[in-house]
Amino acid sequence: KGVVHISGAGIENPRIYKAKKFACKALKGRGGMSGIRIIYAYYEKEDVIEFIEIYFKGDKANEDKQRIIKYCSSKRKSTGKN
């Protein structure tokens, strides 16, 4: 799968996803297997995507769950939503 839902962070809204198959022109010959990972939040009701994190799989095995939790909690504070 190219995009997977990230669960286990205790966040239901927004839904958090990881894009795994991400092609990059600078990494010639690797196609969608660049090792680049993009973490983003998807707000279904508003149909909006917000970038959270990008990393290279060779440098870091998994997404930063603390960063995701911090992003979601700061977003809730700024919008006043729980």
PDB file of N, CA and C in Angstrom:
ATOM      1  N   LYS A   1       0.839  -1.197   0.000  1.00  0.00           N
ATOM      2  CA  LYS A   1       0.000   0.000   0.000  1.00  0.00           C
ATOM      3  C   LYS A   1       0.875   1.248   0.000  1.00  0.00           C
ATOM      4  N   GLY A   2       0.426   2.238  -0.745  1.00  0.00           N
ATOM      5  CA  GLY A   2       1.165   3.487  -0.828  1.00  0.00           C
ATOM      6  C   GLY A   2       0.841   4.453   0.296  1.00  0.00           C
ATOM      7  N   VAL A   3      -0.394   4.385   0.808  1.00  0.00           N
ATOM      8  CA  VAL A   3      -0.823   5.262   1.901  1.00  0.00           C
ATOM      9  C   VAL A   3      -1.475   4.398   2.968  1.00  0.00           C
ATOM     10  N   VAL A   4      -1.034   4.581   4.220  1.00  0.00           N
ATOM     11  CA  VAL A   4      -1.601   3.797   5.321  1.00  0.00           C
ATOM     12  C   VAL A   4      -2.057   4.731   6.442  1.00  0.00           C
ATOM     13  N   HIS A   5      -3.136   4.333   7.096  1.00  0.00           N
ATOM     14  CA  HIS A   5      -3.646   5.074   8.252  1.00  0.00           C
ATOM     15  C   HIS A   5      -2.766   4.749   9.448  1.00  0.00           C
ATOM     16  N   ILE A   6      -2.385   5.770  10.199  1.00  0.00           N
ATOM     17  CA  ILE A   6      -1.577   5.571  11.404  1.00  0.00           C
ATOM     18  C   ILE A   6      -2.521   5.502  12.590  1.00  0.00           C
ATOM     19  N   SER A   7      -2.484   4.387  13.283  1.00  0.00           N
ATOM     20  CA  SER A   7      -3.313   4.231  14.476  1.00  0.00           C
ATOM     21  C   SER A   7      -2.402   4.080  15.684  1.00  0.00           C
ATOM     22  N   GLY A   8      -2.979   4.082  16.852  1.00  0.00           N
ATOM     23  CA  GLY A   8      -2.202   3.862  18.063  1.00  0.00           C
ATOM     24  C   GLY A   8      -1.729   5.134  18.738  1.00  0.00           C
ATOM     25  N   ALA A   9      -2.053   6.299  18.176  1.00  0.00           N
ATOM     26  CA  ALA A   9      -1.665   7.554  18.808  1.00  0.00           C
ATOM     27  C   ALA A   9      -2.820   8.129  19.627  1.00  0.00           C
ATOM     28  N   GLY A  10      -3.968   7.443  19.612  1.00  0.00           N
ATOM     29  CA  GLY A  10      -5.132   7.908  20.362  1.00  0.00           C
ATOM     30  C   GLY A  10      -5.828   9.090  19.717  1.00  0.00           C
ATOM     31  N   ILE A  11      -5.639   9.263  18.412  1.00  0.00           N
ATOM     32  CA  ILE A  11      -6.224  10.394  17.693  1.00  0.00           C
ATOM     33  C   ILE A  11      -7.222   9.867  16.671  1.00  0.00           C
ATOM     34  N   GLU A  12      -8.452  10.333  16.778  1.00  0.00           N
ATOM     35  CA  GLU A  12      -9.488   9.901  15.838  1.00  0.00           C
ATOM     36  C   GLU A  12      -9.763  10.955  14.773  1.00  0.00           C
ATOM     37  N   ASN A  13      -9.688  12.213  15.159  1.00  0.00           N
ATOM     38  CA  ASN A  13      -9.921  13.297  14.210  1.00  0.00           C
ATOM     39  C   ASN A  13      -8.900  14.391  14.453  1.00  0.00           C
ATOM     40  N   PRO A  14      -8.116  14.758  13.488  1.00  0.00           N
ATOM     41  CA  PRO A  14      -8.135  14.311  12.099  1.00  0.00           C
ATOM     42  C   PRO A  14      -7.535  12.913  11.969  1.00  0.00           C
ATOM     43  N   ARG A  15      -7.779  12.286  10.839  1.00  0.00           N
ATOM     44  CA  ARG A  15      -7.159  10.994  10.567  1.00  0.00           C
ATOM     45  C   ARG A  15      -5.732  11.258  10.103  1.00  0.00           C
ATOM     46  N   ILE A  16      -4.800  10.486  10.650  1.00  0.00           N
ATOM     47  CA  ILE A  16      -3.386  10.666  10.337  1.00  0.00           C
ATOM     48  C   ILE A  16      -2.948   9.556   9.387  1.00  0.00           C
ATOM     49  N   TYR A  17      -2.247   9.939   8.325  1.00  0.00           N
ATOM     50  CA  TYR A  17      -1.804   8.985   7.311  1.00  0.00           C
ATOM     51  C   TYR A  17      -0.312   9.098   7.057  1.00  0.00           C
ATOM     52  N   LYS A  18       0.247   7.997   6.538  1.00  0.00           N
ATOM     53  CA  LYS A  18       1.638   7.961   6.106  1.00  0.00           C
ATOM     54  C   LYS A  18       1.658   7.591   4.625  1.00  0.00           C
ATOM     55  N   ALA A  19       2.262   8.458   3.795  1.00  0.00           N
ATOM     56  CA  ALA A  19       2.463   8.154   2.379  1.00  0.00           C
ATOM     57  C   ALA A  19       3.828   7.483   2.264  1.00  0.00           C
ATOM     58  N   LYS A  20       3.832   6.241   1.779  1.00  0.00           N
ATOM     59  CA  LYS A  20       5.065   5.463   1.722  1.00  0.00           C
ATOM     60  C   LYS A  20       5.685   5.415   0.329  1.00  0.00           C
ATOM     61  N   LYS A  21       4.873   5.364  -0.687  1.00  0.00           N
ATOM     62  CA  LYS A  21       5.396   5.295  -2.058  1.00  0.00           C
ATOM     63  C   LYS A  21       5.435   6.703  -2.616  1.00  0.00           C
ATOM     64  N   PHE A  22       6.578   7.326  -2.466  1.00  0.00           N
ATOM     65  CA  PHE A  22       6.738   8.725  -2.831  1.00  0.00           C
ATOM     66  C   PHE A  22       7.944   8.853  -3.746  1.00  0.00           C
ATOM     67  N   ALA A  23       7.698   9.124  -5.017  1.00  0.00           N
ATOM     68  CA  ALA A  23       8.790   9.259  -5.984  1.00  0.00           C
ATOM     69  C   ALA A  23       9.458  10.624  -5.843  1.00  0.00           C
ATOM     70  N   CYS A  24      10.762  10.654  -6.126  1.00  0.00           N
ATOM     71  CA  CYS A  24      11.528  11.889  -6.024  1.00  0.00           C
ATOM     72  C   CYS A  24      12.498  11.956  -7.202  1.00  0.00           C
ATOM     73  N   LYS A  25      12.427  13.030  -7.998  1.00  0.00           N
ATOM     74  CA  LYS A  25      13.309  13.171  -9.163  1.00  0.00           C
ATOM     75  C   LYS A  25      14.779  13.206  -8.768  1.00  0.00           C
ATOM     76  N   ALA A  26      15.085  13.756  -7.601  1.00  0.00           N
ATOM     77  CA  ALA A  26      16.474  13.856  -7.156  1.00  0.00           C
ATOM     78  C   ALA A  26      17.076  12.485  -6.849  1.00  0.00           C
ATOM     79  N   LEU A  27      16.241  11.494  -6.584  1.00  0.00           N
ATOM     80  CA  LEU A  27      16.710  10.134  -6.294  1.00  0.00           C
ATOM     81  C   LEU A  27      16.441   9.271  -7.519  1.00  0.00           C
ATOM     82  N   LYS A  28      17.169   9.524  -8.582  1.00  0.00           N
ATOM     83  CA  LYS A  28      16.948   8.860  -9.871  1.00  0.00           C
ATOM     84  C   LYS A  28      17.068   7.348  -9.762  1.00  0.00           C
ATOM     85  N   GLY A  29      16.173   6.671 -10.483  1.00  0.00           N
ATOM     86  CA  GLY A  29      16.223   5.219 -10.557  1.00  0.00           C
ATOM     87  C   GLY A  29      15.529   4.487  -9.420  1.00  0.00           C
ATOM     88  N   ARG A  30      14.992   5.214  -8.460  1.00  0.00           N
ATOM     89  CA  ARG A  30      14.343   4.552  -7.324  1.00  0.00           C
ATOM     90  C   ARG A  30      12.829   4.537  -7.444  1.00  0.00           C
ATOM     91  N   GLY A  31      12.285   5.386  -8.303  1.00  0.00           N
ATOM     92  CA  GLY A  31      10.835   5.436  -8.495  1.00  0.00           C
ATOM     93  C   GLY A  31      10.103   5.697  -7.194  1.00  0.00           C
ATOM     94  N   GLY A  32       9.057   4.921  -6.955  1.00  0.00           N
ATOM     95  CA  GLY A  32       8.254   5.065  -5.742  1.00  0.00           C
ATOM     96  C   GLY A  32       8.905   4.458  -4.517  1.00  0.00           C
ATOM     97  N   MET A  33      10.064   3.843  -4.693  1.00  0.00           N
ATOM     98  CA  MET A  33      10.767   3.225  -3.559  1.00  0.00           C
ATOM     99  C   MET A  33      11.911   4.129  -3.089  1.00  0.00           C
ATOM    100  N   SER A  34      11.628   5.408  -2.950  1.00  0.00           N
ATOM    101  CA  SER A  34      12.646   6.391  -2.570  1.00  0.00           C
ATOM    102  C   SER A  34      13.030   6.299  -1.104  1.00  0.00           C
ATOM    103  N   GLY A  35      12.165   5.730  -0.281  1.00  0.00           N
ATOM    104  CA  GLY A  35      12.410   5.687   1.158  1.00  0.00           C
ATOM    105  C   GLY A  35      11.891   6.921   1.866  1.00  0.00           C
ATOM    106  N   ILE A  36      11.329   7.843   1.118  1.00  0.00           N
ATOM    107  CA  ILE A  36      10.766   9.059   1.710  1.00  0.00           C
ATOM    108  C   ILE A  36       9.390   8.739   2.277  1.00  0.00           C
ATOM    109  N   ARG A  37       9.139   9.239   3.472  1.00  0.00           N
ATOM    110  CA  ARG A  37       7.848   9.060   4.128  1.00  0.00           C
ATOM    111  C   ARG A  37       7.265  10.433   4.454  1.00  0.00           C
ATOM    112  N   ILE A  38       5.985  10.593   4.205  1.00  0.00           N
ATOM    113  CA  ILE A  38       5.305  11.851   4.510  1.00  0.00           C
ATOM    114  C   ILE A  38       4.134  11.555   5.434  1.00  0.00           C
ATOM    115  N   ILE A  39       4.084  12.258   6.537  1.00  0.00           N
ATOM    116  CA  ILE A  39       3.004  12.111   7.512  1.00  0.00           C
ATOM    117  C   ILE A  39       2.112  13.346   7.393  1.00  0.00           C
ATOM    118  N   TYR A  40       0.802  13.102   7.296  1.00  0.00           N
ATOM    119  CA  TYR A  40      -0.123  14.223   7.162  1.00  0.00           C
ATOM    120  C   TYR A  40      -1.437  13.933   7.871  1.00  0.00           C
ATOM    121  N   ALA A  41      -2.143  15.024   8.175  1.00  0.00           N
ATOM    122  CA  ALA A  41      -3.466  14.942   8.803  1.00  0.00           C
ATOM    123  C   ALA A  41      -4.509  15.234   7.740  1.00  0.00           C
ATOM    124  N   TYR A  42      -5.577  14.437   7.733  1.00  0.00           N
ATOM    125  CA  TYR A  42      -6.666  14.653   6.775  1.00  0.00           C
ATOM    126  C   TYR A  42      -7.936  14.992   7.540  1.00  0.00           C
ATOM    127  N   TYR A  43      -8.449  16.192   7.277  1.00  0.00           N
ATOM    128  CA  TYR A  43      -9.699  16.653   7.866  1.00  0.00           C
ATOM    129  C   TYR A  43     -10.801  16.369   6.855  1.00  0.00           C
ATOM    130  N   GLU A  44     -11.522  15.285   7.067  1.00  0.00           N
ATOM    131  CA  GLU A  44     -12.502  14.815   6.087  1.00  0.00           C
ATOM    132  C   GLU A  44     -13.630  15.820   5.851  1.00  0.00           C
ATOM    133  N   LYS A  45     -14.166  16.376   6.921  1.00  0.00           N
ATOM    134  CA  LYS A  45     -15.304  17.296   6.798  1.00  0.00           C
ATOM    135  C   LYS A  45     -14.950  18.510   5.936  1.00  0.00           C
ATOM    136  N   GLU A  46     -13.748  19.050   6.135  1.00  0.00           N
ATOM    137  CA  GLU A  46     -13.307  20.228   5.386  1.00  0.00           C
ATOM    138  C   GLU A  46     -12.602  19.854   4.087  1.00  0.00           C
ATOM    139  N   ASP A  47     -12.271  18.571   3.916  1.00  0.00           N
ATOM    140  CA  ASP A  47     -11.503  18.064   2.776  1.00  0.00           C
ATOM    141  C   ASP A  47     -10.162  18.796   2.664  1.00  0.00           C
ATOM    142  N   VAL A  48      -9.439  18.825   3.807  1.00  0.00           N
ATOM    143  CA  VAL A  48      -8.164  19.534   3.907  1.00  0.00           C
ATOM    144  C   VAL A  48      -7.083  18.572   4.385  1.00  0.00           C
ATOM    145  N   ILE A  49      -5.897  18.708   3.803  1.00  0.00           N
ATOM    146  CA  ILE A  49      -4.727  17.937   4.228  1.00  0.00           C
ATOM    147  C   ILE A  49      -3.710  18.914   4.790  1.00  0.00           C
ATOM    148  N   GLU A  50      -3.106  18.559   5.954  1.00  0.00           N
ATOM    149  CA  GLU A  50      -2.049  19.371   6.543  1.00  0.00           C
ATOM    150  C   GLU A  50      -0.822  18.507   6.777  1.00  0.00           C
ATOM    151  N   PHE A  51       0.314  18.995   6.301  1.00  0.00           N
ATOM    152  CA  PHE A  51       1.590  18.321   6.444  1.00  0.00           C
ATOM    153  C   PHE A  51       2.034  18.325   7.907  1.00  0.00           C
ATOM    154  N   ILE A  52       2.552  17.177   8.382  1.00  0.00           N
ATOM    155  CA  ILE A  52       3.072  17.092   9.743  1.00  0.00           C
ATOM    156  C   ILE A  52       4.571  16.817   9.742  1.00  0.00           C
ATOM    157  N   GLU A  53       5.001  15.837   8.948  1.00  0.00           N
ATOM    158  CA  GLU A  53       6.402  15.419   9.018  1.00  0.00           C
ATOM    159  C   GLU A  53       6.827  14.748   7.717  1.00  0.00           C
ATOM    160  N   ILE A  54       8.098  14.917   7.367  1.00  0.00           N
ATOM    161  CA  ILE A  54       8.703  14.174   6.266  1.00  0.00           C
ATOM    162  C   ILE A  54      10.024  13.613   6.783  1.00  0.00           C
ATOM    163  N   TYR A  55      10.318  12.367   6.415  1.00  0.00           N
ATOM    164  CA  TYR A  55      11.586  11.774   6.834  1.00  0.00           C
ATOM    165  C   TYR A  55      12.022  10.701   5.852  1.00  0.00           C
ATOM    166  N   PHE A  56      13.290  10.349   5.926  1.00  0.00           N
ATOM    167  CA  PHE A  56      13.859   9.299   5.096  1.00  0.00           C
ATOM    168  C   PHE A  56      13.930   8.021   5.919  1.00  0.00           C
ATOM    169  N   LYS A  57      13.387   6.955   5.368  1.00  0.00           N
ATOM    170  CA  LYS A  57      13.305   5.675   6.084  1.00  0.00           C
ATOM    171  C   LYS A  57      14.678   5.175   6.532  1.00  0.00           C
ATOM    172  N   GLY A  58      15.723   5.493   5.778  1.00  0.00           N
ATOM    173  CA  GLY A  58      17.069   5.056   6.146  1.00  0.00           C
ATOM    174  C   GLY A  58      17.594   5.735   7.400  1.00  0.00           C
ATOM    175  N   ASP A  59      17.073   6.926   7.710  1.00  0.00           N
ATOM    176  CA  ASP A  59      17.509   7.674   8.894  1.00  0.00           C
ATOM    177  C   ASP A  59      16.634   7.420  10.110  1.00  0.00           C
ATOM    178  N   LYS A  60      15.406   7.012   9.869  1.00  0.00           N
ATOM    179  CA  LYS A  60      14.428   6.908  10.954  1.00  0.00           C
ATOM    180  C   LYS A  60      13.433   5.813  10.597  1.00  0.00           C
ATOM    181  N   ALA A  61      13.224   4.868  11.482  1.00  0.00           N
ATOM    182  CA  ALA A  61      12.377   3.709  11.172  1.00  0.00           C
ATOM    183  C   ALA A  61      10.890   4.047  11.104  1.00  0.00           C
ATOM    184  N   ASN A  62      10.412   4.883  12.014  1.00  0.00           N
ATOM    185  CA  ASN A  62       8.974   5.180  12.086  1.00  0.00           C
ATOM    186  C   ASN A  62       8.722   6.658  12.307  1.00  0.00           C
ATOM    187  N   GLU A  63       7.464   7.018  12.135  1.00  0.00           N
ATOM    188  CA  GLU A  63       7.038   8.394  12.362  1.00  0.00           C
ATOM    189  C   GLU A  63       7.206   8.762  13.829  1.00  0.00           C
ATOM    190  N   ASP A  64       7.274  10.059  14.093  1.00  0.00           N
ATOM    191  CA  ASP A  64       7.423  10.579  15.447  1.00  0.00           C
ATOM    192  C   ASP A  64       6.030  10.767  16.051  1.00  0.00           C
ATOM    193  N   LYS A  65       5.590   9.777  16.833  1.00  0.00           N
ATOM    194  CA  LYS A  65       4.227   9.828  17.406  1.00  0.00           C
ATOM    195  C   LYS A  65       4.064  11.025  18.340  1.00  0.00           C
ATOM    196  N   GLN A  66       5.132  11.403  19.034  1.00  0.00           N
ATOM    197  CA  GLN A  66       5.047  12.565  19.925  1.00  0.00           C
ATOM    198  C   GLN A  66       4.787  13.834  19.119  1.00  0.00           C
ATOM    199  N   ARG A  67       5.413  13.947  17.949  1.00  0.00           N
ATOM    200  CA  ARG A  67       5.193  15.105  17.080  1.00  0.00           C
ATOM    201  C   ARG A  67       3.733  15.142  16.619  1.00  0.00           C
ATOM    202  N   ILE A  68       3.193  13.984  16.280  1.00  0.00           N
ATOM    203  CA  ILE A  68       1.803  13.898  15.824  1.00  0.00           C
ATOM    204  C   ILE A  68       0.854  14.317  16.939  1.00  0.00           C
ATOM    205  N   ILE A  69       1.088  13.798  18.137  1.00  0.00           N
ATOM    206  CA  ILE A  69       0.248  14.138  19.291  1.00  0.00           C
ATOM    207  C   ILE A  69       0.344  15.633  19.594  1.00  0.00           C
ATOM    208  N   LYS A  70       1.569  16.171  19.549  1.00  0.00           N
ATOM    209  CA  LYS A  70       1.774  17.601  19.804  1.00  0.00           C
ATOM    210  C   LYS A  70       1.050  18.443  18.750  1.00  0.00           C
ATOM    211  N   TYR A  71       1.144  18.041  17.490  1.00  0.00           N
ATOM    212  CA  TYR A  71       0.457  18.752  16.406  1.00  0.00           C
ATOM    213  C   TYR A  71      -1.050  18.785  16.663  1.00  0.00           C
ATOM    214  N   CYS A  72      -1.622  17.621  16.962  1.00  0.00           N
ATOM    215  CA  CYS A  72      -3.075  17.532  17.159  1.00  0.00           C
ATOM    216  C   CYS A  72      -3.530  18.319  18.381  1.00  0.00           C
ATOM    217  N   SER A  73      -2.754  18.272  19.464  1.00  0.00           N
ATOM    218  CA  SER A  73      -3.160  19.009  20.663  1.00  0.00           C
ATOM    219  C   SER A  73      -3.039  20.515  20.436  1.00  0.00           C
ATOM    220  N   SER A  74      -2.019  20.973  19.708  1.00  0.00           N
ATOM    221  CA  SER A  74      -1.898  22.412  19.433  1.00  0.00           C
ATOM    222  C   SER A  74      -2.993  22.874  18.479  1.00  0.00           C
ATOM    223  N   LYS A  75      -3.387  22.011  17.563  1.00  0.00           N
ATOM    224  CA  LYS A  75      -4.462  22.334  16.620  1.00  0.00           C
ATOM    225  C   LYS A  75      -5.788  22.484  17.368  1.00  0.00           C
ATOM    226  N   ARG A  76      -6.019  21.592  18.333  1.00  0.00           N
ATOM    227  CA  ARG A  76      -7.256  21.665  19.126  1.00  0.00           C
ATOM    228  C   ARG A  76      -7.310  22.956  19.928  1.00  0.00           C
ATOM    229  N   LYS A  77      -6.155  23.351  20.499  1.00  0.00           N
ATOM    230  CA  LYS A  77      -6.111  24.580  21.289  1.00  0.00           C
ATOM    231  C   LYS A  77      -6.391  25.799  20.421  1.00  0.00           C
ATOM    232  N   SER A  78      -5.835  25.812  19.204  1.00  0.00           N
ATOM    233  CA  SER A  78      -6.004  26.979  18.332  1.00  0.00           C
ATOM    234  C   SER A  78      -7.416  27.085  17.760  1.00  0.00           C
ATOM    235  N   THR A  79      -8.105  25.951  17.613  1.00  0.00           N
ATOM    236  CA  THR A  79      -9.466  25.980  17.066  1.00  0.00           C
ATOM    237  C   THR A  79     -10.529  25.916  18.151  1.00  0.00           C
ATOM    238  N   GLY A  80     -10.120  25.534  19.360  1.00  0.00           N
ATOM    239  CA  GLY A  80     -11.079  25.408  20.447  1.00  0.00           C
ATOM    240  C   GLY A  80     -11.886  24.135  20.392  1.00  0.00           C
ATOM    241  N   LYS A  81     -11.477  23.190  19.520  1.00  0.00           N
ATOM    242  CA  LYS A  81     -12.192  21.917  19.385  1.00  0.00           C
ATOM    243  C   LYS A  81     -11.493  20.841  20.187  1.00  0.00           C
ATOM    244  N   ASN A  82     -12.273  19.887  20.699  1.00  0.00           N
ATOM    245  CA  ASN A  82     -11.712  18.751  21.440  1.00  0.00           C
ATOM    246  C   ASN A  82     -11.661  17.523  20.614  1.00  0.00           C
TER     247      ASN A  82
END
